[in-house]
Amino acid sequence: MAVATQTMTDEQRKSVALEYLKAFDNGGVTSTGGSLLDLFADDAQVYFAKWGLANGKEEIGRLFTDVGGTITAIRHDYSAFNYIMSG
């Protein structure tokens, strides 16, 4: 059986990116009350220079825990964002 995949529109990608940043500002909780990790596919990768490459949700969670432990607060100014869509 073939697995159906759908391509996200630019607006959908923008929405996910914005939700990701807002979740950071809200202590890792999304606007629907879910976890920041809910925004990632099981095989996602995140790179952070001082941590390295995190593969999959479990490692991404560790990365966010490690890096987040060094940050007392974070806030993004969404009204000043300039979105550039590519791909």
PDB file of N, CA and C in Angstrom:
ATOM      1  N   MET A   1       0.845  -1.166   0.000  1.00  0.00           N
ATOM      2  CA  MET A   1       0.000   0.000   0.000  1.00  0.00           C
ATOM      3  C   MET A   1       0.895   1.236   0.000  1.00  0.00           C
ATOM      4  N   ALA A   2       0.582   2.187  -0.842  1.00  0.00           N
ATOM      5  CA  ALA A   2       1.343   3.433  -0.921  1.00  0.00           C
ATOM      6  C   ALA A   2       0.881   4.393   0.168  1.00  0.00           C
ATOM      7  N   VAL A   3       1.811   5.137   0.685  1.00  0.00           N
ATOM      8  CA  VAL A   3       1.496   6.141   1.687  1.00  0.00           C
ATOM      9  C   VAL A   3       1.257   7.463   0.969  1.00  0.00           C
ATOM     10  N   ALA A   4       0.124   8.057   1.227  1.00  0.00           N
ATOM     11  CA  ALA A   4      -0.206   9.334   0.598  1.00  0.00           C
ATOM     12  C   ALA A   4       0.482  10.464   1.354  1.00  0.00           C
ATOM     13  N   THR A   5       1.077  11.356   0.617  1.00  0.00           N
ATOM     14  CA  THR A   5       1.685  12.537   1.228  1.00  0.00           C
ATOM     15  C   THR A   5       1.095  13.771   0.575  1.00  0.00           C
ATOM     16  N   GLN A   6       1.013  14.825   1.343  1.00  0.00           N
ATOM     17  CA  GLN A   6       0.496  16.077   0.820  1.00  0.00           C
ATOM     18  C   GLN A   6       1.543  17.158   1.035  1.00  0.00           C
ATOM     19  N   THR A   7       1.668  18.034   0.078  1.00  0.00           N
ATOM     20  CA  THR A   7       2.588  19.150   0.189  1.00  0.00           C
ATOM     21  C   THR A   7       1.894  20.292   0.912  1.00  0.00           C
ATOM     22  N   MET A   8       2.592  20.882   1.860  1.00  0.00           N
ATOM     23  CA  MET A   8       2.034  22.018   2.587  1.00  0.00           C
ATOM     24  C   MET A   8       2.125  23.274   1.726  1.00  0.00           C
ATOM     25  N   THR A   9       1.139  24.125   1.871  1.00  0.00           N
ATOM     26  CA  THR A   9       1.174  25.423   1.202  1.00  0.00           C
ATOM     27  C   THR A   9       2.114  26.356   1.974  1.00  0.00           C
ATOM     28  N   ASP A  10       2.482  27.465   1.352  1.00  0.00           N
ATOM     29  CA  ASP A  10       3.312  28.453   2.040  1.00  0.00           C
ATOM     30  C   ASP A  10       2.632  28.948   3.315  1.00  0.00           C
ATOM     31  N   GLU A  11       1.332  29.177   3.258  1.00  0.00           N
ATOM     32  CA  GLU A  11       0.604  29.654   4.438  1.00  0.00           C
ATOM     33  C   GLU A  11       0.610  28.612   5.551  1.00  0.00           C
ATOM     34  N   GLN A  12       0.503  27.331   5.200  1.00  0.00           N
ATOM     35  CA  GLN A  12       0.557  26.275   6.211  1.00  0.00           C
ATOM     36  C   GLN A  12       1.940  26.208   6.852  1.00  0.00           C
ATOM     37  N   ARG A  13       2.991  26.313   6.048  1.00  0.00           N
ATOM     38  CA  ARG A  13       4.354  26.305   6.592  1.00  0.00           C
ATOM     39  C   ARG A  13       4.573  27.515   7.502  1.00  0.00           C
ATOM     40  N   LYS A  14       4.078  28.666   7.080  1.00  0.00           N
ATOM     41  CA  LYS A  14       4.187  29.880   7.894  1.00  0.00           C
ATOM     42  C   LYS A  14       3.457  29.690   9.222  1.00  0.00           C
ATOM     43  N   SER A  15       2.292  29.089   9.171  1.00  0.00           N
ATOM     44  CA  SER A  15       1.503  28.856  10.373  1.00  0.00           C
ATOM     45  C   SER A  15       2.230  27.938  11.357  1.00  0.00           C
ATOM     46  N   VAL A  16       2.854  26.885  10.845  1.00  0.00           N
ATOM     47  CA  VAL A  16       3.594  25.957  11.713  1.00  0.00           C
ATOM     48  C   VAL A  16       4.802  26.663  12.327  1.00  0.00           C
ATOM     49  N   ALA A  17       5.514  27.445  11.523  1.00  0.00           N
ATOM     50  CA  ALA A  17       6.681  28.174  12.033  1.00  0.00           C
ATOM     51  C   ALA A  17       6.273  29.158  13.129  1.00  0.00           C
ATOM     52  N   LEU A  18       5.175  29.854  12.922  1.00  0.00           N
ATOM     53  CA  LEU A  18       4.692  30.807  13.915  1.00  0.00           C
ATOM     54  C   LEU A  18       4.245  30.089  15.185  1.00  0.00           C
ATOM     55  N   GLU A  19       3.561  28.974  15.040  1.00  0.00           N
ATOM     56  CA  GLU A  19       3.123  28.187  16.197  1.00  0.00           C
ATOM     57  C   GLU A  19       4.332  27.691  16.995  1.00  0.00           C
ATOM     58  N   TYR A  20       5.384  27.295  16.294  1.00  0.00           N
ATOM     59  CA  TYR A  20       6.630  26.836  16.915  1.00  0.00           C
ATOM     60  C   TYR A  20       7.225  27.939  17.791  1.00  0.00           C
ATOM     61  N   LEU A  21       7.341  29.140  17.248  1.00  0.00           N
ATOM     62  CA  LEU A  21       7.925  30.244  18.012  1.00  0.00           C
ATOM     63  C   LEU A  21       7.028  30.671  19.170  1.00  0.00           C
ATOM     64  N   LYS A  22       5.721  30.678  18.945  1.00  0.00           N
ATOM     65  CA  LYS A  22       4.793  31.028  20.023  1.00  0.00           C
ATOM     66  C   LYS A  22       4.843  29.996  21.144  1.00  0.00           C
ATOM     67  N   ALA A  23       5.034  28.723  20.787  1.00  0.00           N
ATOM     68  CA  ALA A  23       5.160  27.684  21.810  1.00  0.00           C
ATOM     69  C   ALA A  23       6.420  27.907  22.643  1.00  0.00           C
ATOM     70  N   PHE A  24       7.512  28.311  22.005  1.00  0.00           N
ATOM     71  CA  PHE A  24       8.724  28.648  22.765  1.00  0.00           C
ATOM     72  C   PHE A  24       8.430  29.758  23.760  1.00  0.00           C
ATOM     73  N   ASP A  25       7.712  30.778  23.307  1.00  0.00           N
ATOM     74  CA  ASP A  25       7.379  31.909  24.175  1.00  0.00           C
ATOM     75  C   ASP A  25       6.451  31.490  25.311  1.00  0.00           C
ATOM     76  N   ASN A  26       5.766  30.371  25.140  1.00  0.00           N
ATOM     77  CA  ASN A  26       4.785  29.900  26.117  1.00  0.00           C
ATOM     78  C   ASN A  26       5.289  28.665  26.864  1.00  0.00           C
ATOM     79  N   GLY A  27       6.583  28.555  27.045  1.00  0.00           N
ATOM     80  CA  GLY A  27       7.143  27.456  27.836  1.00  0.00           C
ATOM     81  C   GLY A  27       7.010  26.091  27.200  1.00  0.00           C
ATOM     82  N   GLY A  28       6.922  26.029  25.872  1.00  0.00           N
ATOM     83  CA  GLY A  28       6.849  24.742  25.184  1.00  0.00           C
ATOM     84  C   GLY A  28       5.440  24.223  24.967  1.00  0.00           C
ATOM     85  N   VAL A  29       4.442  25.058  25.243  1.00  0.00           N
ATOM     86  CA  VAL A  29       3.037  24.659  25.088  1.00  0.00           C
ATOM     87  C   VAL A  29       2.451  25.381  23.881  1.00  0.00           C
ATOM     88  N   THR A  30       1.823  24.623  22.979  1.00  0.00           N
ATOM     89  CA  THR A  30       1.218  25.211  21.785  1.00  0.00           C
ATOM     90  C   THR A  30      -0.094  25.907  22.128  1.00  0.00           C
ATOM     91  N   SER A  31      -0.647  26.619  21.166  1.00  0.00           N
ATOM     92  CA  SER A  31      -1.902  27.343  21.388  1.00  0.00           C
ATOM     93  C   SER A  31      -3.076  26.409  21.662  1.00  0.00           C
ATOM     94  N   THR A  32      -2.936  25.134  21.294  1.00  0.00           N
ATOM     95  CA  THR A  32      -3.998  24.158  21.559  1.00  0.00           C
ATOM     96  C   THR A  32      -3.738  23.365  22.834  1.00  0.00           C
ATOM     97  N   GLY A  33      -2.680  23.734  23.564  1.00  0.00           N
ATOM     98  CA  GLY A  33      -2.361  23.050  24.812  1.00  0.00           C
ATOM     99  C   GLY A  33      -1.456  21.843  24.642  1.00  0.00           C
ATOM    100  N   GLY A  34      -1.019  21.588  23.412  1.00  0.00           N
ATOM    101  CA  GLY A  34      -0.134  20.457  23.150  1.00  0.00           C
ATOM    102  C   GLY A  34       1.321  20.806  23.409  1.00  0.00           C
ATOM    103  N   SER A  35       2.166  19.828  23.175  1.00  0.00           N
ATOM    104  CA  SER A  35       3.601  19.994  23.351  1.00  0.00           C
ATOM    105  C   SER A  35       4.233  20.567  22.090  1.00  0.00           C
ATOM    106  N   LEU A  36       5.272  21.333  22.273  1.00  0.00           N
ATOM    107  CA  LEU A  36       6.064  21.833  21.152  1.00  0.00           C
ATOM    108  C   LEU A  36       6.495  20.681  20.258  1.00  0.00           C
ATOM    109  N   LEU A  37       6.790  19.536  20.840  1.00  0.00           N
ATOM    110  CA  LEU A  37       7.238  18.374  20.065  1.00  0.00           C
ATOM    111  C   LEU A  37       6.150  17.829  19.148  1.00  0.00           C
ATOM    112  N   ASP A  38       4.890  18.144  19.427  1.00  0.00           N
ATOM    113  CA  ASP A  38       3.793  17.707  18.557  1.00  0.00           C
ATOM    114  C   ASP A  38       3.897  18.321  17.161  1.00  0.00           C
ATOM    115  N   LEU A  39       4.661  19.387  17.030  1.00  0.00           N
ATOM    116  CA  LEU A  39       4.814  20.059  15.739  1.00  0.00           C
ATOM    117  C   LEU A  39       5.829  19.365  14.838  1.00  0.00           C
ATOM    118  N   PHE A  40       6.537  18.360  15.373  1.00  0.00           N
ATOM    119  CA  PHE A  40       7.588  17.681  14.623  1.00  0.00           C
ATOM    120  C   PHE A  40       7.155  16.303  14.152  1.00  0.00           C
ATOM    121  N   ALA A  41       7.630  15.914  12.970  1.00  0.00           N
ATOM    122  CA  ALA A  41       7.460  14.540  12.487  1.00  0.00           C
ATOM    123  C   ALA A  41       8.376  13.635  13.310  1.00  0.00           C
ATOM    124  N   ASP A  42       8.058  12.348  13.344  1.00  0.00           N
ATOM    125  CA  ASP A  42       8.862  11.399  14.119  1.00  0.00           C
ATOM    126  C   ASP A  42      10.316  11.358  13.666  1.00  0.00           C
ATOM    127  N   ASP A  43      10.564  11.627  12.386  1.00  0.00           N
ATOM    128  CA  ASP A  43      11.929  11.560  11.851  1.00  0.00           C
ATOM    129  C   ASP A  43      12.558  12.944  11.656  1.00  0.00           C
ATOM    130  N   ALA A  44      12.034  13.945  12.344  1.00  0.00           N
ATOM    131  CA  ALA A  44      12.551  15.309  12.213  1.00  0.00           C
ATOM    132  C   ALA A  44      13.971  15.411  12.756  1.00  0.00           C
ATOM    133  N   GLN A  45      14.679  16.418  12.276  1.00  0.00           N
ATOM    134  CA  GLN A  45      16.021  16.723  12.762  1.00  0.00           C
ATOM    135  C   GLN A  45      16.092  18.209  13.102  1.00  0.00           C
ATOM    136  N   VAL A  46      16.791  18.518  14.192  1.00  0.00           N
ATOM    137  CA  VAL A  46      17.020  19.905  14.590  1.00  0.00           C
ATOM    138  C   VAL A  46      18.501  20.049  14.895  1.00  0.00           C
ATOM    139  N   TYR A  47      19.106  21.110  14.365  1.00  0.00           N
ATOM    140  CA  TYR A  47      20.520  21.373  14.636  1.00  0.00           C
ATOM    141  C   TYR A  47      20.647  22.645  15.461  1.00  0.00           C
ATOM    142  N   PHE A  48      21.391  22.557  16.530  1.00  0.00           N
ATOM    143  CA  PHE A  48      21.724  23.712  17.352  1.00  0.00           C
ATOM    144  C   PHE A  48      23.228  23.673  17.554  1.00  0.00           C
ATOM    145  N   ALA A  49      23.910  24.747  17.188  1.00  0.00           N
ATOM    146  CA  ALA A  49      25.377  24.741  17.113  1.00  0.00           C
ATOM    147  C   ALA A  49      26.067  24.267  18.393  1.00  0.00           C
ATOM    148  N   LYS A  50      25.596  24.675  19.539  1.00  0.00           N
ATOM    149  CA  LYS A  50      26.267  24.301  20.790  1.00  0.00           C
ATOM    150  C   LYS A  50      25.794  22.959  21.335  1.00  0.00           C
ATOM    151  N   TRP A  51      24.887  22.301  20.628  1.00  0.00           N
ATOM    152  CA  TRP A  51      24.374  21.004  21.069  1.00  0.00           C
ATOM    153  C   TRP A  51      24.664  19.930  20.032  1.00  0.00           C
ATOM    154  N   GLY A  52      24.477  20.259  18.784  1.00  0.00           N
ATOM    155  CA  GLY A  52      24.671  19.302  17.702  1.00  0.00           C
ATOM    156  C   GLY A  52      23.356  18.968  17.027  1.00  0.00           C
ATOM    157  N   LEU A  53      23.339  17.837  16.337  1.00  0.00           N
ATOM    158  CA  LEU A  53      22.167  17.404  15.582  1.00  0.00           C
ATOM    159  C   LEU A  53      21.309  16.469  16.425  1.00  0.00           C
ATOM    160  N   ALA A  54      20.046  16.803  16.564  1.00  0.00           N
ATOM    161  CA  ALA A  54      19.086  15.960  17.275  1.00  0.00           C
ATOM    162  C   ALA A  54      18.236  15.247  16.233  1.00  0.00           C
ATOM    163  N   ASN A  55      18.158  13.929  16.334  1.00  0.00           N
ATOM    164  CA  ASN A  55      17.393  13.102  15.398  1.00  0.00           C
ATOM    165  C   ASN A  55      16.172  12.524  16.098  1.00  0.00           C
ATOM    166  N   GLY A  56      14.989  12.832  15.597  1.00  0.00           N
ATOM    167  CA  GLY A  56      13.755  12.290  16.162  1.00  0.00           C
ATOM    168  C   GLY A  56      13.271  13.095  17.358  1.00  0.00           C
ATOM    169  N   LYS A  57      12.006  12.882  17.700  1.00  0.00           N
ATOM    170  CA  LYS A  57      11.365  13.665  18.756  1.00  0.00           C
ATOM    171  C   LYS A  57      12.047  13.514  20.113  1.00  0.00           C
ATOM    172  N   GLU A  58      12.510  12.308  20.442  1.00  0.00           N
ATOM    173  CA  GLU A  58      13.128  12.099  21.755  1.00  0.00           C
ATOM    174  C   GLU A  58      14.393  12.945  21.909  1.00  0.00           C
ATOM    175  N   GLU A  59      15.266  12.901  20.905  1.00  0.00           N
ATOM    176  CA  GLU A  59      16.492  13.705  20.970  1.00  0.00           C
ATOM    177  C   GLU A  59      16.186  15.194  20.885  1.00  0.00           C
ATOM    178  N   ILE A  60      15.199  15.558  20.077  1.00  0.00           N
ATOM    179  CA  ILE A  60      14.817  16.969  19.979  1.00  0.00           C
ATOM    180  C   ILE A  60      14.331  17.460  21.340  1.00  0.00           C
ATOM    181  N   GLY A  61      13.581  16.634  22.035  1.00  0.00           N
ATOM    182  CA  GLY A  61      13.135  16.973  23.388  1.00  0.00           C
ATOM    183  C   GLY A  61      14.308  17.191  24.326  1.00  0.00           C
ATOM    184  N   ARG A  62      15.334  16.331  24.233  1.00  0.00           N
ATOM    185  CA  ARG A  62      16.537  16.499  25.062  1.00  0.00           C
ATOM    186  C   ARG A  62      17.261  17.803  24.716  1.00  0.00           C
ATOM    187  N   LEU A  63      17.370  18.083  23.415  1.00  0.00           N
ATOM    188  CA  LEU A  63      18.013  19.331  22.986  1.00  0.00           C
ATOM    189  C   LEU A  63      17.287  20.530  23.588  1.00  0.00           C
ATOM    190  N   PHE A  64      15.962  20.562  23.453  1.00  0.00           N
ATOM    191  CA  PHE A  64      15.188  21.686  23.976  1.00  0.00           C
ATOM    192  C   PHE A  64      15.317  21.787  25.494  1.00  0.00           C
ATOM    193  N   THR A  65      15.350  20.654  26.181  1.00  0.00           N
ATOM    194  CA  THR A  65      15.512  20.657  27.636  1.00  0.00           C
ATOM    195  C   THR A  65      16.879  21.207  28.019  1.00  0.00           C
ATOM    196  N   ASP A  66      17.915  20.732  27.347  1.00  0.00           N
ATOM    197  CA  ASP A  66      19.276  21.186  27.646  1.00  0.00           C
ATOM    198  C   ASP A  66      19.455  22.671  27.354  1.00  0.00           C
ATOM    199  N   VAL A  67      19.051  23.088  26.165  1.00  0.00           N
ATOM    200  CA  VAL A  67      19.219  24.489  25.770  1.00  0.00           C
ATOM    201  C   VAL A  67      18.258  25.376  26.558  1.00  0.00           C
ATOM    202  N   GLY A  68      17.026  24.926  26.716  1.00  0.00           N
ATOM    203  CA  GLY A  68      16.026  25.710  27.436  1.00  0.00           C
ATOM    204  C   GLY A  68      16.393  25.961  28.884  1.00  0.00           C
ATOM    205  N   GLY A  69      17.171  25.048  29.466  1.00  0.00           N
ATOM    206  CA  GLY A  69      17.604  25.220  30.845  1.00  0.00           C
ATOM    207  C   GLY A  69      18.534  26.404  31.036  1.00  0.00           C
ATOM    208  N   THR A  70      19.081  26.910  29.941  1.00  0.00           N
ATOM    209  CA  THR A  70      19.995  28.054  30.017  1.00  0.00           C
ATOM    210  C   THR A  70      19.292  29.376  29.726  1.00  0.00           C
ATOM    211  N   ILE A  71      18.010  29.324  29.389  1.00  0.00           N
ATOM    212  CA  ILE A  71      17.257  30.524  29.006  1.00  0.00           C
ATOM    213  C   ILE A  71      16.210  30.821  30.073  1.00  0.00           C
ATOM    214  N   THR A  72      16.210  32.042  30.591  1.00  0.00           N
ATOM    215  CA  THR A  72      15.223  32.391  31.612  1.00  0.00           C
ATOM    216  C   THR A  72      13.901  32.839  31.002  1.00  0.00           C
ATOM    217  N   ALA A  73      13.957  33.470  29.838  1.00  0.00           N
ATOM    218  CA  ALA A  73      12.733  33.902  29.156  1.00  0.00           C
ATOM    219  C   ALA A  73      13.051  34.145  27.688  1.00  0.00           C
ATOM    220  N   ILE A  74      12.019  34.016  26.866  1.00  0.00           N
ATOM    221  CA  ILE A  74      12.171  34.294  25.442  1.00  0.00           C
ATOM    222  C   ILE A  74      10.862  34.890  24.933  1.00  0.00           C
ATOM    223  N   ARG A  75      10.976  35.847  24.042  1.00  0.00           N
ATOM    224  CA  ARG A  75       9.792  36.480  23.456  1.00  0.00           C
ATOM    225  C   ARG A  75      10.130  36.906  22.040  1.00  0.00           C
ATOM    226  N   HIS A  76       9.245  36.611  21.116  1.00  0.00           N
ATOM    227  CA  HIS A  76       9.435  36.980  19.717  1.00  0.00           C
ATOM    228  C   HIS A  76       8.456  38.096  19.348  1.00  0.00           C
ATOM    229  N   ASP A  77       8.907  39.050  18.562  1.00  0.00           N
ATOM    230  CA  ASP A  77       8.069  40.161  18.110  1.00  0.00           C
ATOM    231  C   ASP A  77       7.486  39.799  16.740  1.00  0.00           C
ATOM    232  N   TYR A  78       6.370  39.082  16.745  1.00  0.00           N
ATOM    233  CA  TYR A  78       5.781  38.541  15.514  1.00  0.00           C
ATOM    234  C   TYR A  78       5.389  39.616  14.509  1.00  0.00           C
ATOM    235  N   SER A  79       5.011  40.789  14.992  1.00  0.00           N
ATOM    236  CA  SER A  79       4.565  41.843  14.074  1.00  0.00           C
ATOM    237  C   SER A  79       5.707  42.365  13.204  1.00  0.00           C
ATOM    238  N   ALA A  80       6.935  42.117  13.618  1.00  0.00           N
ATOM    239  CA  ALA A  80       8.085  42.603  12.853  1.00  0.00           C
ATOM    240  C   ALA A  80       8.710  41.522  11.972  1.00  0.00           C
ATOM    241  N   PHE A  81       8.115  40.340  11.942  1.00  0.00           N
ATOM    242  CA  PHE A  81       8.676  39.241  11.150  1.00  0.00           C
ATOM    243  C   PHE A  81       8.549  39.516   9.660  1.00  0.00           C
ATOM    244  N   ASN A  82       9.538  39.082   8.923  1.00  0.00           N
ATOM    245  CA  ASN A  82       9.528  39.132   7.469  1.00  0.00           C
ATOM    246  C   ASN A  82       9.654  37.688   6.990  1.00  0.00           C
ATOM    247  N   TYR A  83       8.621  37.150   6.401  1.00  0.00           N
ATOM    248  CA  TYR A  83       8.609  35.750   5.969  1.00  0.00           C
ATOM    249  C   TYR A  83       9.112  35.636   4.540  1.00  0.00           C
ATOM    250  N   ILE A  84      10.060  34.745   4.330  1.00  0.00           N
ATOM    251  CA  ILE A  84      10.579  34.458   2.996  1.00  0.00           C
ATOM    252  C   ILE A  84      10.345  32.981   2.735  1.00  0.00           C
ATOM    253  N   MET A  85       9.479  32.676   1.794  1.00  0.00           N
ATOM    254  CA  MET A  85       9.145  31.287   1.483  1.00  0.00           C
ATOM    255  C   MET A  85      10.078  30.766   0.403  1.00  0.00           C
ATOM    256  N   SER A  86      10.577  29.571   0.621  1.00  0.00           N
ATOM    257  CA  SER A  86      11.489  28.955  -0.336  1.00  0.00           C
ATOM    258  C   SER A  86      11.275  27.456  -0.334  1.00  0.00           C
ATOM    259  N   GLY A  87      10.988  26.894  -1.490  1.00  0.00           N
ATOM    260  CA  GLY A  87      10.872  25.440  -1.591  1.00  0.00           C
ATOM    261  C   GLY A  87       9.515  24.899  -1.543  1.00  0.00           C
TER     262      GLY A  87
END
